[in-house]
Amino acid sequence: MLRHILFFIFITTITVSCASRNAVQQPSLSYDLNTQQNKVVQDGIELMAKPIHSYAELTSYYDEDTIKYGVLPVQVYVFNKSNQSFLLNLDGVNLIDGTGARVPLLSPDQTYERIKKSQWRSAGWAVATGVFAAFSIHNVAEVNKQIKADISSRFLKSGNLVPGSATEGTLFYNVPSEISSVDNWKLSLVLHDNEGKQIVATYSFSGNIEQRKTPEAMQTESEAQ
């Protein structure tokens, strides 16, 4: 009897831990001194942007190293310091790589499909027991609901930027999982006013990205052992 009770406690403890998600909200770029130093102001539009690629930041903000799954989050901050209103449309926010090519933007649903949890990714070896598997299926579904809602809430929204207003959010881009640098990359922002006037602001990036092992490589290594 005692053995059954201890087994139940063990299963429940692991199940709860696998069901939890510990992502925290990333701070506003208005508090990021490094990004502030490089802010771009074009015709009264202030632009700041930051590609989030370090393992520490990704696992803190998203509870997952998204680079392994080919997802690069880019945090964007736009402040309208002019006396005109401008329309912010996501079609006018483009990430350009070092070769000058446009990096594809992922929709919230596409981002979710890349980084959502699976029974094996979230539970690992513990899925070996049939009892735990029954619990974990429910838990993974609950965590995935949180992930989907979180991506949607963080996603940069289109809208009208009135004078004195600011907006901030994150866009998710499709990159190779073996990406090693964002040197010479840039974020191009195109805004239009009600009279058709166009403003283009460009924020430049630089920096190396630590190499990751892709899920496929990790699986291959595991099978070889």
Protein backbone atom coordinates (compact mmCIF):
# COMPACT_ATOMS: atom_id res chain seq x y z
CA MET A 1 0.00 0.00 0.00
CA LEU A 2 2.76 2.41 0.98
CA ARG A 3 4.57 1.61 -2.26
CA HIS A 4 1.45 2.51 -4.24
CA ILE A 5 1.08 5.81 -2.38
CA LEU A 6 4.73 6.73 -2.98
CA PHE A 7 4.38 5.82 -6.65
CA PHE A 8 1.31 8.06 -6.96
CA ILE A 9 3.16 10.96 -5.30
CA PHE A 10 6.11 10.41 -7.61
CA ILE A 11 3.93 10.37 -10.72
CA THR A 12 1.94 13.42 -9.62
CA THR A 13 5.08 15.41 -8.80
CA ILE A 14 6.65 14.77 -12.20
CA THR A 15 3.37 15.41 -13.97
CA VAL A 16 2.86 18.79 -12.33
CA SER A 17 6.44 19.81 -13.06
CA CYS A 18 6.06 18.85 -16.72
CA ALA A 19 2.79 20.77 -16.95
CA SER A 20 4.23 24.01 -15.67
CA ARG A 21 5.52 26.77 -17.91
CA ASN A 22 7.94 29.30 -16.49
CA ALA A 23 8.14 31.93 -19.22
CA VAL A 24 8.43 35.52 -18.02
CA GLN A 25 7.59 38.74 -19.83
CA GLN A 26 10.58 40.35 -21.46
CA PRO A 27 11.28 43.94 -20.32
CA SER A 28 10.43 46.84 -22.59
CA LEU A 29 13.19 48.03 -24.89
CA SER A 30 12.66 51.49 -23.41
CA TYR A 31 14.58 50.12 -20.40
CA ASP A 32 17.31 48.42 -22.43
CA LEU A 33 20.34 50.74 -22.35
CA ASN A 34 22.23 48.99 -25.16
CA THR A 35 19.24 49.16 -27.49
CA GLN A 36 18.53 52.75 -26.45
CA GLN A 37 22.04 53.82 -27.44
CA ASN A 38 21.39 52.64 -31.00
CA LYS A 39 17.81 53.85 -31.41
CA VAL A 40 16.87 55.31 -34.77
CA VAL A 41 14.78 58.48 -35.15
CA GLN A 42 13.39 59.19 -38.62
CA ASP A 43 10.99 62.10 -39.21
CA GLY A 44 9.71 61.89 -35.66
CA ILE A 45 9.45 58.10 -35.57
CA GLU A 46 11.63 56.40 -32.98
CA LEU A 47 12.53 52.78 -33.68
CA MET A 48 14.27 50.22 -31.51
CA ALA A 49 14.59 46.51 -32.16
CA LYS A 50 16.35 43.53 -30.63
CA PRO A 51 16.78 39.99 -31.98
CA ILE A 52 16.48 37.58 -29.05
CA HIS A 53 18.84 34.68 -29.63
CA SER A 54 20.79 33.93 -26.47
CA TYR A 55 19.94 30.66 -24.80
CA ALA A 56 19.49 32.36 -21.43
CA GLU A 57 16.99 34.94 -22.71
CA LEU A 58 15.01 32.52 -24.85
CA THR A 59 14.56 29.97 -22.10
CA SER A 60 13.61 32.77 -19.71
CA TYR A 61 11.12 34.56 -21.98
CA TYR A 62 9.72 31.56 -23.87
CA ASP A 63 10.66 28.59 -21.70
CA GLU A 64 12.18 27.14 -24.87
CA ASP A 65 15.29 27.64 -26.99
CA THR A 66 13.34 28.64 -30.10
CA ILE A 67 16.47 28.90 -32.25
CA LYS A 68 16.64 25.08 -32.26
CA TYR A 69 13.31 25.09 -34.07
CA GLY A 70 14.21 27.79 -36.57
CA VAL A 71 12.40 30.66 -34.82
CA LEU A 72 14.09 34.01 -34.16
CA PRO A 73 12.03 36.41 -32.01
CA VAL A 74 12.65 40.09 -32.71
CA GLN A 75 11.33 42.60 -30.20
CA VAL A 76 10.18 45.88 -31.80
CA TYR A 77 9.43 49.26 -30.21
CA VAL A 78 7.95 52.17 -32.18
CA PHE A 79 7.27 55.63 -30.73
CA ASN A 80 5.51 58.37 -32.73
CA LYS A 81 7.08 61.64 -31.59
CA SER A 82 5.70 63.55 -34.59
CA ASN A 83 2.48 65.55 -34.86
CA GLN A 84 1.00 63.18 -37.47
CA SER A 85 -0.73 59.82 -37.26
CA PHE A 86 0.81 56.85 -39.04
CA LEU A 87 -0.49 53.41 -39.93
CA LEU A 88 1.63 50.53 -38.72
CA ASN A 89 1.12 47.47 -40.89
CA LEU A 90 3.10 44.28 -40.37
CA ASP A 91 3.65 44.08 -44.13
CA GLY A 92 5.86 47.13 -43.64
CA VAL A 93 8.09 45.49 -41.03
CA ASN A 94 10.82 43.51 -42.76
CA LEU A 95 13.83 41.66 -41.42
CA ILE A 96 16.69 41.72 -43.91
CA ASP A 97 19.63 39.32 -43.60
CA GLY A 98 23.28 40.03 -44.36
CA THR A 99 22.86 39.16 -48.06
CA GLY A 100 20.00 41.61 -48.48
CA ALA A 101 17.34 38.90 -48.61
CA ARG A 102 14.05 39.26 -46.76
CA VAL A 103 13.64 36.84 -43.85
CA PRO A 104 10.15 35.25 -43.83
CA LEU A 105 7.83 36.37 -41.05
CA LEU A 106 6.02 33.59 -39.19
CA SER A 107 2.38 34.05 -38.23
CA PRO A 108 1.35 33.37 -34.61
CA ASP A 109 -0.02 29.97 -35.69
CA GLN A 110 3.16 29.08 -37.58
CA THR A 111 5.27 30.10 -34.59
CA TYR A 112 3.13 27.98 -32.29
CA GLU A 113 3.48 24.94 -34.53
CA ARG A 114 7.26 25.27 -34.36
CA ILE A 115 7.65 25.59 -30.59
CA LYS A 116 4.63 23.83 -29.13
CA LYS A 117 5.30 21.01 -26.71
CA SER A 118 4.89 17.38 -27.58
CA GLN A 119 4.53 14.52 -25.15
CA TRP A 120 8.12 13.47 -25.73
CA ARG A 121 9.66 16.95 -25.72
CA SER A 122 7.96 17.97 -22.48
CA ALA A 123 8.14 14.72 -20.54
CA GLY A 124 11.23 12.96 -21.86
CA TRP A 125 12.05 9.65 -20.28
CA ALA A 126 9.12 9.84 -17.85
CA VAL A 127 6.65 9.03 -20.62
CA ALA A 128 7.85 5.44 -20.33
CA THR A 129 5.03 4.58 -17.91
CA GLY A 130 1.54 4.21 -19.30
CA VAL A 131 0.01 5.88 -16.23
CA PHE A 132 2.17 8.93 -16.64
CA ALA A 133 1.47 9.07 -20.36
CA ALA A 134 -2.24 9.43 -19.64
CA PHE A 135 -1.51 12.37 -17.34
CA SER A 136 1.04 13.97 -19.64
CA ILE A 137 -1.27 14.10 -22.66
CA HIS A 138 -3.60 16.37 -20.68
CA ASN A 139 -0.73 18.41 -19.27
CA VAL A 140 0.93 18.96 -22.61
CA ALA A 141 -2.38 20.19 -24.01
CA GLU A 142 -2.71 22.66 -21.14
CA VAL A 143 0.83 23.95 -21.61
CA ASN A 144 0.26 24.33 -25.34
CA LYS A 145 -2.80 26.47 -24.65
CA GLN A 146 -0.57 28.75 -22.59
CA ILE A 147 2.06 28.87 -25.32
CA LYS A 148 -0.48 29.76 -28.01
CA ALA A 149 -2.04 32.52 -25.90
CA ASP A 150 1.40 33.85 -24.95
CA ILE A 151 2.57 34.09 -28.56
CA SER A 152 -0.62 35.90 -29.54
CA SER A 153 -0.34 38.39 -26.68
CA ARG A 154 3.30 39.20 -27.43
CA PHE A 155 2.88 39.49 -31.20
CA LEU A 156 3.30 43.04 -32.54
CA LYS A 157 -0.10 44.39 -33.62
CA SER A 158 -0.98 46.48 -36.66
CA GLY A 159 -2.76 49.73 -35.94
CA ASN A 160 -2.87 53.50 -36.01
CA LEU A 161 -0.03 55.33 -34.27
CA VAL A 162 -1.37 58.70 -33.15
CA PRO A 163 1.02 61.49 -32.09
CA GLY A 164 2.68 60.71 -28.78
CA SER A 165 1.77 57.02 -28.81
CA ALA A 166 4.06 54.01 -28.67
CA THR A 167 3.62 50.34 -29.43
CA GLU A 168 5.79 47.35 -28.68
CA GLY A 169 5.68 43.67 -29.47
CA THR A 170 7.58 40.72 -30.88
CA LEU A 171 7.72 39.29 -34.37
CA PHE A 172 8.91 35.77 -35.07
CA TYR A 173 11.03 35.00 -38.12
CA ASN A 174 11.91 31.80 -39.94
CA VAL A 175 15.67 31.28 -39.73
CA PRO A 176 17.98 28.28 -40.14
CA SER A 177 18.46 26.46 -36.84
CA GLU A 178 22.22 26.63 -37.46
CA ILE A 179 22.18 30.45 -37.72
CA SER A 180 25.49 31.79 -36.38
CA SER A 181 25.32 35.57 -36.70
CA VAL A 182 23.09 38.60 -37.25
CA ASP A 183 25.95 40.79 -38.47
CA ASN A 184 24.74 43.25 -41.12
CA TRP A 185 21.12 42.25 -40.56
CA LYS A 186 18.56 45.03 -40.24
CA LEU A 187 14.93 45.68 -39.50
CA SER A 188 13.21 47.98 -41.97
CA LEU A 189 10.03 49.76 -40.86
CA VAL A 190 7.75 51.45 -43.39
CA LEU A 191 4.92 53.67 -42.12
CA HIS A 192 2.28 55.64 -44.06
CA ASP A 193 0.20 58.64 -43.01
CA ASN A 194 -3.35 59.44 -44.16
CA GLU A 195 -2.06 61.47 -47.09
CA GLY A 196 0.18 58.75 -48.46
CA LYS A 197 3.42 60.08 -47.03
CA GLN A 198 5.90 57.30 -46.36
CA ILE A 199 8.54 57.09 -43.65
CA VAL A 200 11.23 54.41 -43.67
CA ALA A 201 13.29 53.74 -40.54
CA THR A 202 16.03 51.11 -40.43
CA TYR A 203 17.59 49.54 -37.35
CA SER A 204 20.85 47.60 -37.79
CA PHE A 205 21.92 44.48 -35.91
CA SER A 206 25.22 42.78 -35.16
CA GLY A 207 26.46 39.91 -33.06
CA ASN A 208 27.24 36.21 -33.05
CA ILE A 209 24.79 33.46 -32.12
CA GLU A 210 25.94 30.48 -30.11
CA GLN A 211 25.57 27.24 -32.00
CA ARG A 212 22.81 24.84 -31.01
CA LYS A 213 22.23 21.18 -31.59
CA THR A 214 19.07 20.77 -33.62
CA PRO A 215 16.42 18.29 -32.41
CA GLU A 216 17.31 16.03 -35.35
CA ALA A 217 21.02 16.04 -34.41
CA MET A 218 20.20 15.34 -30.76
CA GLN A 219 17.99 12.42 -31.76
CA THR A 220 20.71 11.02 -34.04
CA GLU A 221 23.27 11.24 -31.21
CA SER A 222 20.84 9.54 -28.83
CA GLU A 223 20.20 6.68 -31.25
CA ALA A 224 23.94 6.20 -31.79
CA GLN A 225 24.62 5.76 -28.06
